[in-house]
PDB file of N, CA and C in Angstrom:
ATOM      1  N   MET A   1       2.400  11.539  10.904  1.00  0.00           N
ATOM      2  CA  MET A   1       1.263  11.728  10.572  1.00  0.00           C
ATOM      3  C   MET A   1       0.511  12.594  10.572  1.00  0.00           C
ATOM      4  N   ALA A   2       0.137  13.524   9.908  1.00  0.00           N
ATOM      5  CA  ALA A   2      -0.630  15.153  10.043  1.00  0.00           C
ATOM      6  C   ALA A   2      -2.232  14.951   9.952  1.00  0.00           C
ATOM      7  N   ALA A   3      -2.405  15.705  10.891  1.00  0.00           N
ATOM      8  CA  ALA A   3      -4.023  15.856  11.506  1.00  0.00           C
ATOM      9  C   ALA A   3      -4.805  16.106  10.852  1.00  0.00           C
ATOM     10  N   ILE A   4      -5.770  14.884  11.145  1.00  0.00           N
ATOM     11  CA  ILE A   4      -6.934  14.979  10.253  1.00  0.00           C
ATOM     12  C   ILE A   4      -8.003  16.045  10.274  1.00  0.00           C
ATOM     13  N   PRO A   5      -8.210  17.178   9.876  1.00  0.00           N
ATOM     14  CA  PRO A   5      -9.095  18.061  10.294  1.00  0.00           C
ATOM     15  C   PRO A   5     -11.049  17.408  10.709  1.00  0.00           C
ATOM     16  N   ALA A   6     -11.177  18.180  11.204  1.00  0.00           N
ATOM     17  CA  ALA A   6     -12.678  17.572  11.837  1.00  0.00           C
ATOM     18  C   ALA A   6     -13.687  18.074  10.648  1.00  0.00           C
ATOM     19  N   PRO A   7     -14.901  17.201  10.293  1.00  0.00           N
ATOM     20  CA  PRO A   7     -15.757  17.600   9.763  1.00  0.00           C
ATOM     21  C   PRO A   7     -16.403  18.443  10.187  1.00  0.00           C
ATOM     22  N   ARG A   8     -17.106  19.518   9.090  1.00  0.00           N
ATOM     23  CA  ARG A   8     -17.392  20.927   9.245  1.00  0.00           C
ATOM     24  C   ARG A   8     -18.247  20.992  10.321  1.00  0.00           C
ATOM     25  N   ASP A   9     -19.315  19.789  10.275  1.00  0.00           N
ATOM     26  CA  ASP A   9     -20.670  19.431  11.178  1.00  0.00           C
ATOM     27  C   ASP A   9     -20.531  18.022  11.678  1.00  0.00           C
ATOM     28  N   GLN A  10     -20.397  18.578  13.374  1.00  0.00           N
ATOM     29  CA  GLN A  10     -20.251  17.122  14.176  1.00  0.00           C
ATOM     30  C   GLN A  10     -21.571  17.509  14.987  1.00  0.00           C
ATOM     31  N   TRP A  11     -22.298  16.453  15.284  1.00  0.00           N
ATOM     32  CA  TRP A  11     -23.436  16.344  16.885  1.00  0.00           C
ATOM     33  C   TRP A  11     -22.458  16.439  17.658  1.00  0.00           C
ATOM     34  N   TYR A  12     -23.214  17.648  19.248  1.00  0.00           N
ATOM     35  CA  TYR A  12     -22.265  17.194  20.303  1.00  0.00           C
ATOM     36  C   TYR A  12     -23.621  17.079  20.942  1.00  0.00           C
ATOM     37  N   VAL A  13     -23.521  16.354  22.080  1.00  0.00           N
ATOM     38  CA  VAL A  13     -24.333  16.493  23.368  1.00  0.00           C
ATOM     39  C   VAL A  13     -23.757  16.829  24.604  1.00  0.00           C
ATOM     40  N   ILE A  14     -24.919  18.133  24.667  1.00  0.00           N
ATOM     41  CA  ILE A  14     -24.515  19.030  26.253  1.00  0.00           C
ATOM     42  C   ILE A  14     -25.508  18.689  27.469  1.00  0.00           C
ATOM     43  N   HIS A  15     -24.419  18.028  28.614  1.00  0.00           N
ATOM     44  CA  HIS A  15     -25.202  18.176  29.525  1.00  0.00           C
ATOM     45  C   HIS A  15     -25.472  19.181  30.026  1.00  0.00           C
ATOM     46  N   VAL A  16     -26.976  19.336  30.764  1.00  0.00           N
ATOM     47  CA  VAL A  16     -27.299  20.743  31.138  1.00  0.00           C
ATOM     48  C   VAL A  16     -28.321  20.511  33.015  1.00  0.00           C
ATOM     49  N   ARG A  17     -28.544  21.497  33.367  1.00  0.00           N
ATOM     50  CA  ARG A  17     -29.226  20.848  34.378  1.00  0.00           C
ATOM     51  C   ARG A  17     -30.120  20.885  33.978  1.00  0.00           C
ATOM     52  N   ALA A  18     -31.192  19.509  35.269  1.00  0.00           N
ATOM     53  CA  ALA A  18     -32.387  19.424  34.405  1.00  0.00           C
ATOM     54  C   ALA A  18     -33.328  20.498  34.512  1.00  0.00           C
ATOM     55  N   GLY A  19     -34.196  20.706  33.820  1.00  0.00           N
ATOM     56  CA  GLY A  19     -35.629  21.567  33.941  1.00  0.00           C
ATOM     57  C   GLY A  19     -34.853  22.504  33.046  1.00  0.00           C
ATOM     58  N   MET A  20     -33.759  22.631  32.885  1.00  0.00           N
ATOM     59  CA  MET A  20     -32.950  24.311  32.286  1.00  0.00           C
ATOM     60  C   MET A  20     -32.566  24.160  30.614  1.00  0.00           C
ATOM     61  N   GLU A  21     -32.993  23.273  30.337  1.00  0.00           N
ATOM     62  CA  GLU A  21     -32.998  22.471  28.790  1.00  0.00           C
ATOM     63  C   GLU A  21     -33.286  23.935  28.102  1.00  0.00           C
ATOM     64  N   ASN A  22     -34.413  24.145  28.031  1.00  0.00           N
ATOM     65  CA  ASN A  22     -35.339  25.588  27.189  1.00  0.00           C
ATOM     66  C   ASN A  22     -34.079  26.635  27.471  1.00  0.00           C
ATOM     67  N   ARG A  23     -33.984  26.913  28.416  1.00  0.00           N
ATOM     68  CA  ARG A  23     -33.278  28.234  28.871  1.00  0.00           C
ATOM     69  C   ARG A  23     -31.927  27.916  28.000  1.00  0.00           C
ATOM     70  N   VAL A  24     -31.673  26.730  28.437  1.00  0.00           N
ATOM     71  CA  VAL A  24     -30.068  26.611  27.633  1.00  0.00           C
ATOM     72  C   VAL A  24     -30.208  26.905  26.182  1.00  0.00           C
ATOM     73  N   ARG A  25     -31.026  26.278  25.367  1.00  0.00           N
ATOM     74  CA  ARG A  25     -31.350  26.508  24.316  1.00  0.00           C
ATOM     75  C   ARG A  25     -31.330  27.764  23.725  1.00  0.00           C
ATOM     76  N   ASP A  26     -31.983  28.270  24.740  1.00  0.00           N
ATOM     77  CA  ASP A  26     -32.502  29.666  23.767  1.00  0.00           C
ATOM     78  C   ASP A  26     -31.321  30.511  24.023  1.00  0.00           C
ATOM     79  N   SER A  27     -30.754  30.693  24.785  1.00  0.00           N
ATOM     80  CA  SER A  27     -29.320  31.604  25.523  1.00  0.00           C
ATOM     81  C   SER A  27     -28.516  31.054  24.197  1.00  0.00           C
ATOM     82  N   MET A  28     -28.361  29.722  23.934  1.00  0.00           N
ATOM     83  CA  MET A  28     -27.269  29.487  22.832  1.00  0.00           C
ATOM     84  C   MET A  28     -27.805  30.100  21.676  1.00  0.00           C
ATOM     85  N   VAL A  29     -29.270  30.359  20.971  1.00  0.00           N
ATOM     86  CA  VAL A  29     -29.712  30.837  19.894  1.00  0.00           C
ATOM     87  C   VAL A  29     -29.398  32.077  19.914  1.00  0.00           C
ATOM     88  N   ARG A  30     -29.870  32.905  20.908  1.00  0.00           N
ATOM     89  CA  ARG A  30     -29.471  34.103  21.005  1.00  0.00           C
ATOM     90  C   ARG A  30     -28.109  34.711  21.171  1.00  0.00           C
ATOM     91  N   ARG A  31     -26.926  33.741  21.993  1.00  0.00           N
ATOM     92  CA  ARG A  31     -25.719  34.034  21.301  1.00  0.00           C
ATOM     93  C   ARG A  31     -25.251  34.007  20.017  1.00  0.00           C
ATOM     94  N   ILE A  32     -25.751  32.794  19.317  1.00  0.00           N
ATOM     95  CA  ILE A  32     -25.176  32.461  18.088  1.00  0.00           C
ATOM     96  C   ILE A  32     -25.944  33.978  16.604  1.00  0.00           C
ATOM     97  N   GLN A  33     -27.021  34.610  17.313  1.00  0.00           N
ATOM     98  CA  GLN A  33     -27.489  35.071  16.746  1.00  0.00           C
ATOM     99  C   GLN A  33     -26.340  36.766  17.057  1.00  0.00           C
ATOM    100  N   SER A  34     -26.100  36.955  17.868  1.00  0.00           N
ATOM    101  CA  SER A  34     -25.577  38.444  18.659  1.00  0.00           C
ATOM    102  C   SER A  34     -24.145  38.298  18.509  1.00  0.00           C
ATOM    103  N   GLU A  35     -23.336  37.416  18.309  1.00  0.00           N
ATOM    104  CA  GLU A  35     -21.926  37.195  18.401  1.00  0.00           C
ATOM    105  C   GLU A  35     -21.830  36.653  16.833  1.00  0.00           C
ATOM    106  N   GLU A  36     -22.895  36.431  16.272  1.00  0.00           N
ATOM    107  CA  GLU A  36     -22.251  35.953  15.066  1.00  0.00           C
ATOM    108  C   GLU A  36     -21.501  34.490  14.851  1.00  0.00           C
ATOM    109  N   MET A  37     -22.063  33.708  15.248  1.00  0.00           N
ATOM    110  CA  MET A  37     -21.608  32.303  15.438  1.00  0.00           C
ATOM    111  C   MET A  37     -22.032  31.513  15.000  1.00  0.00           C
ATOM    112  N   ALA A  38     -23.418  31.888  13.371  1.00  0.00           N
ATOM    113  CA  ALA A  38     -23.523  30.415  12.776  1.00  0.00           C
ATOM    114  C   ALA A  38     -22.787  30.233  12.035  1.00  0.00           C
ATOM    115  N   ASP A  39     -21.167  30.620  11.874  1.00  0.00           N
ATOM    116  CA  ASP A  39     -20.551  29.906  11.033  1.00  0.00           C
ATOM    117  C   ASP A  39     -20.090  28.304  11.697  1.00  0.00           C
ATOM    118  N   TYR A  40     -20.216  28.607  12.874  1.00  0.00           N
ATOM    119  CA  TYR A  40     -19.958  27.469  13.510  1.00  0.00           C
ATOM    120  C   TYR A  40     -20.986  26.638  14.522  1.00  0.00           C
ATOM    121  N   ILE A  41     -21.532  27.346  14.857  1.00  0.00           N
ATOM    122  CA  ILE A  41     -23.187  26.709  15.449  1.00  0.00           C
ATOM    123  C   ILE A  41     -24.189  26.705  14.770  1.00  0.00           C
ATOM    124  N   PHE A  42     -24.712  25.201  13.858  1.00  0.00           N
ATOM    125  CA  PHE A  42     -25.207  25.194  12.985  1.00  0.00           C
ATOM    126  C   PHE A  42     -27.077  24.944  13.022  1.00  0.00           C
ATOM    127  N   GLU A  43     -27.368  24.006  14.417  1.00  0.00           N
ATOM    128  CA  GLU A  43     -28.196  24.120  15.129  1.00  0.00           C
ATOM    129  C   GLU A  43     -28.337  23.596  16.341  1.00  0.00           C
ATOM    130  N   VAL A  44     -29.027  23.747  17.307  1.00  0.00           N
ATOM    131  CA  VAL A  44     -29.459  23.772  18.323  1.00  0.00           C
ATOM    132  C   VAL A  44     -30.606  23.075  18.875  1.00  0.00           C
ATOM    133  N   LEU A  45     -30.932  21.689  19.274  1.00  0.00           N
ATOM    134  CA  LEU A  45     -32.513  20.729  19.254  1.00  0.00           C
ATOM    135  C   LEU A  45     -32.287  20.483  20.636  1.00  0.00           C
ATOM    136  N   LEU A  46     -33.517  20.265  21.131  1.00  0.00           N
ATOM    137  CA  LEU A  46     -34.192  19.894  22.272  1.00  0.00           C
ATOM    138  C   LEU A  46     -35.303  18.734  22.134  1.00  0.00           C
ATOM    139  N   PRO A  47     -35.053  17.478  21.867  1.00  0.00           N
ATOM    140  CA  PRO A  47     -36.055  16.536  21.392  1.00  0.00           C
ATOM    141  C   PRO A  47     -37.261  16.231  21.803  1.00  0.00           C
ATOM    142  N   THR A  48     -38.543  16.747  21.898  1.00  0.00           N
ATOM    143  CA  THR A  48     -39.092  16.446  22.727  1.00  0.00           C
ATOM    144  C   THR A  48     -40.464  15.494  21.953  1.00  0.00           C
ATOM    145  N   GLU A  49     -41.578  15.116  22.626  1.00  0.00           N
ATOM    146  CA  GLU A  49     -42.581  14.693  21.971  1.00  0.00           C
ATOM    147  C   GLU A  49     -43.882  14.775  22.492  1.00  0.00           C
ATOM    148  N   ARG A  50     -44.935  14.923  22.099  1.00  0.00           N
ATOM    149  CA  ARG A  50     -46.148  15.097  22.467  1.00  0.00           C
ATOM    150  C   ARG A  50     -46.785  13.821  22.644  1.00  0.00           C
ATOM    151  N   VAL A  51     -47.319  13.930  24.329  1.00  0.00           N
ATOM    152  CA  VAL A  51     -47.624  12.524  25.124  1.00  0.00           C
ATOM    153  C   VAL A  51     -49.374  12.497  25.265  1.00  0.00           C
ATOM    154  N   ALA A  52     -49.978  12.218  24.977  1.00  0.00           N
ATOM    155  CA  ALA A  52     -51.227  12.223  25.528  1.00  0.00           C
ATOM    156  C   ALA A  52     -51.639  11.489  26.984  1.00  0.00           C
ATOM    157  N   GLU A  53     -52.167  12.334  28.116  1.00  0.00           N
ATOM    158  CA  GLU A  53     -51.855  11.909  29.114  1.00  0.00           C
ATOM    159  C   GLU A  53     -53.295  11.595  29.978  1.00  0.00           C
ATOM    160  N   VAL A  54     -53.586  10.893  31.180  1.00  0.00           N
ATOM    161  CA  VAL A  54     -55.415  11.269  31.525  1.00  0.00           C
ATOM    162  C   VAL A  54     -55.494  11.689  33.008  1.00  0.00           C
ATOM    163  N   LYS A  55     -55.275  12.550  33.429  1.00  0.00           N
ATOM    164  CA  LYS A  55     -55.354  13.215  34.991  1.00  0.00           C
ATOM    165  C   LYS A  55     -56.435  13.703  35.059  1.00  0.00           C
ATOM    166  N   LYS A  56     -57.054  12.999  36.401  1.00  0.00           N
ATOM    167  CA  LYS A  56     -58.006  13.313  36.766  1.00  0.00           C
ATOM    168  C   LYS A  56     -59.467  12.879  35.889  1.00  0.00           C
ATOM    169  N   GLY A  57     -59.384  11.976  35.223  1.00  0.00           N
ATOM    170  CA  GLY A  57     -60.567  11.848  34.339  1.00  0.00           C
ATOM    171  C   GLY A  57     -60.081  12.236  33.015  1.00  0.00           C
ATOM    172  N   LYS A  58     -59.414  13.486  33.002  1.00  0.00           N
ATOM    173  CA  LYS A  58     -59.328  14.612  31.868  1.00  0.00           C
ATOM    174  C   LYS A  58     -58.371  14.041  30.923  1.00  0.00           C
ATOM    175  N   LYS A  59     -58.553  14.275  29.205  1.00  0.00           N
ATOM    176  CA  LYS A  59     -57.077  13.519  28.608  1.00  0.00           C
ATOM    177  C   LYS A  59     -56.394  15.196  28.569  1.00  0.00           C
ATOM    178  N   THR A  60     -55.294  14.975  28.897  1.00  0.00           N
ATOM    179  CA  THR A  60     -54.576  16.082  28.321  1.00  0.00           C
ATOM    180  C   THR A  60     -53.481  16.204  27.372  1.00  0.00           C
ATOM    181  N   GLU A  61     -52.870  16.687  26.699  1.00  0.00           N
ATOM    182  CA  GLU A  61     -51.348  16.281  25.786  1.00  0.00           C
ATOM    183  C   GLU A  61     -50.609  17.316  26.300  1.00  0.00           C
ATOM    184  N   THR A  62     -49.235  16.906  26.229  1.00  0.00           N
ATOM    185  CA  THR A  62     -48.350  17.444  26.919  1.00  0.00           C
ATOM    186  C   THR A  62     -47.587  17.378  26.074  1.00  0.00           C
ATOM    187  N   THR A  63     -45.992  17.987  26.501  1.00  0.00           N
ATOM    188  CA  THR A  63     -44.677  17.655  25.917  1.00  0.00           C
ATOM    189  C   THR A  63     -43.670  17.160  26.740  1.00  0.00           C
ATOM    190  N   ARG A  64     -42.773  15.923  26.446  1.00  0.00           N
ATOM    191  CA  ARG A  64     -42.208  15.652  27.100  1.00  0.00           C
ATOM    192  C   ARG A  64     -40.750  15.507  26.367  1.00  0.00           C
ATOM    193  N   LYS A  65     -39.770  15.548  27.187  1.00  0.00           N
ATOM    194  CA  LYS A  65     -38.098  15.727  26.501  1.00  0.00           C
ATOM    195  C   LYS A  65     -37.708  14.158  26.401  1.00  0.00           C
ATOM    196  N   PHE A  66     -37.218  13.706  25.229  1.00  0.00           N
ATOM    197  CA  PHE A  66     -37.001  12.795  24.972  1.00  0.00           C
ATOM    198  C   PHE A  66     -35.453  12.354  25.767  1.00  0.00           C
ATOM    199  N   PHE A  67     -34.394  13.660  25.915  1.00  0.00           N
ATOM    200  CA  PHE A  67     -33.343  13.564  26.738  1.00  0.00           C
ATOM    201  C   PHE A  67     -33.314  14.439  28.242  1.00  0.00           C
ATOM    202  N   PRO A  68     -33.989  14.463  29.067  1.00  0.00           N
ATOM    203  CA  PRO A  68     -34.402  15.314  29.906  1.00  0.00           C
ATOM    204  C   PRO A  68     -32.708  15.747  30.485  1.00  0.00           C
ATOM    205  N   GLY A  69     -31.838  16.722  30.317  1.00  0.00           N
ATOM    206  CA  GLY A  69     -31.336  17.209  31.357  1.00  0.00           C
ATOM    207  C   GLY A  69     -29.878  17.281  29.853  1.00  0.00           C
ATOM    208  N   TYR A  70     -30.246  17.387  28.931  1.00  0.00           N
ATOM    209  CA  TYR A  70     -29.408  17.301  27.372  1.00  0.00           C
ATOM    210  C   TYR A  70     -29.961  18.246  26.878  1.00  0.00           C
ATOM    211  N   VAL A  71     -29.130  19.041  25.950  1.00  0.00           N
ATOM    212  CA  VAL A  71     -29.190  19.515  24.687  1.00  0.00           C
ATOM    213  C   VAL A  71     -28.170  19.293  23.570  1.00  0.00           C
ATOM    214  N   ILE A  72     -29.025  18.757  22.310  1.00  0.00           N
ATOM    215  CA  ILE A  72     -27.639  18.712  21.224  1.00  0.00           C
ATOM    216  C   ILE A  72     -27.644  19.361  20.125  1.00  0.00           C
ATOM    217  N   ALA A  73     -26.164  20.149  20.022  1.00  0.00           N
ATOM    218  CA  ALA A  73     -26.066  20.903  19.089  1.00  0.00           C
ATOM    219  C   ALA A  73     -24.839  20.284  18.152  1.00  0.00           C
ATOM    220  N   ASN A  74     -25.626  20.921  16.647  1.00  0.00           N
ATOM    221  CA  ASN A  74     -24.604  20.848  15.377  1.00  0.00           C
ATOM    222  C   ASN A  74     -23.532  21.883  15.473  1.00  0.00           C
ATOM    223  N   MET A  75     -22.521  21.485  15.182  1.00  0.00           N
ATOM    224  CA  MET A  75     -21.450  22.342  15.520  1.00  0.00           C
ATOM    225  C   MET A  75     -20.230  22.006  15.296  1.00  0.00           C
ATOM    226  N   HIS A  76     -19.268  23.246  14.686  1.00  0.00           N
ATOM    227  CA  HIS A  76     -17.988  22.899  14.958  1.00  0.00           C
ATOM    228  C   HIS A  76     -17.632  23.288  15.700  1.00  0.00           C
ATOM    229  N   LEU A  77     -16.486  22.482  16.489  1.00  0.00           N
ATOM    230  CA  LEU A  77     -16.030  22.764  17.918  1.00  0.00           C
ATOM    231  C   LEU A  77     -14.182  23.480  17.648  1.00  0.00           C
ATOM    232  N   LEU A  78     -14.335  24.594  18.164  1.00  0.00           N
ATOM    233  CA  LEU A  78     -13.091  25.293  17.930  1.00  0.00           C
ATOM    234  C   LEU A  78     -11.974  24.985  19.572  1.00  0.00           C
ATOM    235  N   ASP A  79     -11.059  25.006  19.481  1.00  0.00           N
ATOM    236  CA  ASP A  79     -10.307  25.530  20.547  1.00  0.00           C
ATOM    237  C   ASP A  79      -9.697  26.813  21.018  1.00  0.00           C
ATOM    238  N   GLU A  80      -9.088  27.111  21.998  1.00  0.00           N
ATOM    239  CA  GLU A  80      -8.969  28.144  22.309  1.00  0.00           C
ATOM    240  C   GLU A  80      -8.053  28.998  21.100  1.00  0.00           C
ATOM    241  N   SER A  81      -7.108  28.527  20.675  1.00  0.00           N
ATOM    242  CA  SER A  81      -6.241  28.945  20.098  1.00  0.00           C
ATOM    243  C   SER A  81      -6.704  29.310  18.672  1.00  0.00           C
ATOM    244  N   ASN A  82      -8.087  28.457  17.730  1.00  0.00           N
ATOM    245  CA  ASN A  82      -8.491  28.528  16.804  1.00  0.00           C
ATOM    246  C   ASN A  82      -9.179  30.348  17.152  1.00  0.00           C
ATOM    247  N   ARG A  83     -10.587  30.092  18.174  1.00  0.00           N
ATOM    248  CA  ARG A  83     -11.253  31.075  18.576  1.00  0.00           C
ATOM    249  C   ARG A  83     -10.564  32.297  18.777  1.00  0.00           C
ATOM    250  N   LEU A  84      -9.297  32.486  19.218  1.00  0.00           N
ATOM    251  CA  LEU A  84      -8.645  33.710  19.103  1.00  0.00           C
ATOM    252  C   LEU A  84      -8.154  34.334  18.094  1.00  0.00           C
ATOM    253  N   MET A  85      -7.664  33.888  17.301  1.00  0.00           N
ATOM    254  CA  MET A  85      -7.342  33.819  15.449  1.00  0.00           C
ATOM    255  C   MET A  85      -8.597  34.180  14.800  1.00  0.00           C
ATOM    256  N   ASP A  86      -9.731  33.464  14.947  1.00  0.00           N
ATOM    257  CA  ASP A  86     -10.876  33.987  14.375  1.00  0.00           C
ATOM    258  C   ASP A  86     -11.435  35.204  14.707  1.00  0.00           C
ATOM    259  N   ARG A  87     -11.692  35.672  16.128  1.00  0.00           N
ATOM    260  CA  ARG A  87     -11.826  36.902  16.442  1.00  0.00           C
ATOM    261  C   ARG A  87     -10.964  37.981  15.803  1.00  0.00           C
ATOM    262  N   SER A  88      -9.966  37.977  15.651  1.00  0.00           N
ATOM    263  CA  SER A  88      -8.846  39.066  14.939  1.00  0.00           C
ATOM    264  C   SER A  88      -9.188  39.538  13.262  1.00  0.00           C
TER     265      SER A  88
END
């Protein structure tokens, strides 16, 4: 049976160290631009929500991550042999 190629865009959940989500997302975005990977990595998300909290009698609004410790990416995953062929 012939192998079915992967769809162009698939969502992947990337487990990262808690508290490092923004740094990982920013690093991925910089590498997409510097290494011209926009054909393979389409979108990098860090889902957040704004939450109103009351601390010491004052109402403050903070940003909370939906999935702490995870970054979500819409990308086309390549194996090592495809990566080497695409680079040449």
